Amino acid sequence: MTDPAPPPPPRRAGGVLLAAGILGGVVIGSVLGQPSIGFLAGLGVGLAAVALIWVGERRRR
């Protein structure tokens, strides 16, 4: 008999990092009086974190 195939490794999702970056950016931007700039900065940080996770997942395969 053949051994069953091992299960695939779990995948990581970065959506929570994107959401946290956006929300954190809006909160910090609101405190500083610039919620729009905070949103954009948080979006950039969140997208960078998602990109790092995506690149790391591609290397694992």
C-alpha atoms as a PDB file:
ATOM      1  CA  MET A   1       0.000   0.000   0.000  1.00  0.00           C
ATOM      2  CA  THR A   2       1.085   3.532  -0.575  1.00  0.00           C
ATOM      3  CA  ASP A   3       1.279   6.133   2.142  1.00  0.00           C
ATOM      4  CA  PRO A   4      -1.274   8.925   1.920  1.00  0.00           C
ATOM      5  CA  ALA A   5       0.038  12.288   0.793  1.00  0.00           C
ATOM      6  CA  PRO A   6       0.949  14.638   3.624  1.00  0.00           C
ATOM      7  CA  PRO A   7      -1.467  17.502   4.108  1.00  0.00           C
ATOM      8  CA  PRO A   8      -0.449  20.809   2.530  1.00  0.00           C
ATOM      9  CA  PRO A   9       1.097  23.382   4.855  1.00  0.00           C
ATOM     10  CA  PRO A  10      -1.320  25.977   6.227  1.00  0.00           C
ATOM     11  CA  ARG A  11      -1.576  29.198   4.285  1.00  0.00           C
ATOM     12  CA  ARG A  12      -1.258  32.553   5.931  1.00  0.00           C
ATOM     13  CA  ALA A  13      -3.580  35.418   5.159  1.00  0.00           C
ATOM     14  CA  GLY A  14      -2.624  39.047   5.476  1.00  0.00           C
ATOM     15  CA  GLY A  15      -6.048  40.662   5.387  1.00  0.00           C
ATOM     16  CA  VAL A  16      -6.036  41.330   9.103  1.00  0.00           C
ATOM     17  CA  LEU A  17      -2.737  43.181   8.764  1.00  0.00           C
ATOM     18  CA  LEU A  18      -4.178  45.318   5.994  1.00  0.00           C
ATOM     19  CA  ALA A  19      -7.258  46.162   8.064  1.00  0.00           C
ATOM     20  CA  ALA A  20      -5.165  46.878  11.161  1.00  0.00           C
ATOM     21  CA  GLY A  21      -2.879  49.159   9.186  1.00  0.00           C
ATOM     22  CA  ILE A  22      -5.785  51.134   7.776  1.00  0.00           C
ATOM     23  CA  LEU A  23      -7.578  51.445  11.105  1.00  0.00           C
ATOM     24  CA  GLY A  24      -4.393  52.301  12.965  1.00  0.00           C
ATOM     25  CA  GLY A  25      -3.507  54.901  10.364  1.00  0.00           C
ATOM     26  CA  VAL A  26      -6.931  56.534  10.611  1.00  0.00           C
ATOM     27  CA  VAL A  27      -6.762  56.632  14.409  1.00  0.00           C
ATOM     28  CA  ILE A  28      -3.259  58.096  14.469  1.00  0.00           C
ATOM     29  CA  GLY A  29      -4.124  60.477  11.639  1.00  0.00           C
ATOM     30  CA  SER A  30      -7.244  61.628  13.480  1.00  0.00           C
ATOM     31  CA  VAL A  31      -5.221  62.373  16.602  1.00  0.00           C
ATOM     32  CA  LEU A  32      -2.853  64.448  14.481  1.00  0.00           C
ATOM     33  CA  GLY A  33      -5.705  66.138  12.599  1.00  0.00           C
ATOM     34  CA  GLN A  34      -5.060  64.394   9.269  1.00  0.00           C
ATOM     35  CA  PRO A  35      -7.269  61.277   8.986  1.00  0.00           C
ATOM     36  CA  SER A  36      -6.958  61.080   5.190  1.00  0.00           C
ATOM     37  CA  ILE A  37      -3.181  61.044   5.289  1.00  0.00           C
ATOM     38  CA  GLY A  38      -3.338  58.534   8.133  1.00  0.00           C
ATOM     39  CA  PHE A  39      -5.581  56.321   6.021  1.00  0.00           C
ATOM     40  CA  LEU A  40      -3.154  56.423   3.120  1.00  0.00           C
ATOM     41  CA  ALA A  41      -0.152  55.789   5.350  1.00  0.00           C
ATOM     42  CA  GLY A  42      -1.937  52.884   7.055  1.00  0.00           C
ATOM     43  CA  LEU A  43      -2.915  51.492   3.673  1.00  0.00           C
ATOM     44  CA  GLY A  44       0.706  51.620   2.547  1.00  0.00           C
ATOM     45  CA  VAL A  45       1.959  49.907   5.697  1.00  0.00           C
ATOM     46  CA  GLY A  46      -0.760  47.259   5.465  1.00  0.00           C
ATOM     47  CA  LEU A  47      -0.040  46.567   1.809  1.00  0.00           C
ATOM     48  CA  ALA A  48       3.665  46.240   2.564  1.00  0.00           C
ATOM     49  CA  ALA A  49       2.897  43.698   5.299  1.00  0.00           C
ATOM     50  CA  VAL A  50       0.612  41.733   2.971  1.00  0.00           C
ATOM     51  CA  ALA A  51       3.278  41.770   0.257  1.00  0.00           C
ATOM     52  CA  LEU A  52       5.878  40.418   2.699  1.00  0.00           C
ATOM     53  CA  ILE A  53       3.553  37.571   3.677  1.00  0.00           C
ATOM     54  CA  TRP A  54       2.798  36.839   0.033  1.00  0.00           C
ATOM     55  CA  VAL A  55       6.507  36.699  -0.878  1.00  0.00           C
ATOM     56  CA  GLY A  56       7.219  34.475   2.130  1.00  0.00           C
ATOM     57  CA  GLU A  57       4.446  32.077   1.118  1.00  0.00           C
ATOM     58  CA  ARG A  58       5.757  31.856  -2.441  1.00  0.00           C
ATOM     59  CA  ARG A  59       9.214  30.925  -1.146  1.00  0.00           C
ATOM     60  CA  ARG A  60       7.821  28.145   1.033  1.00  0.00           C
ATOM     61  CA  ARG A  61       6.467  26.236  -1.976  1.00  0.00           C
END
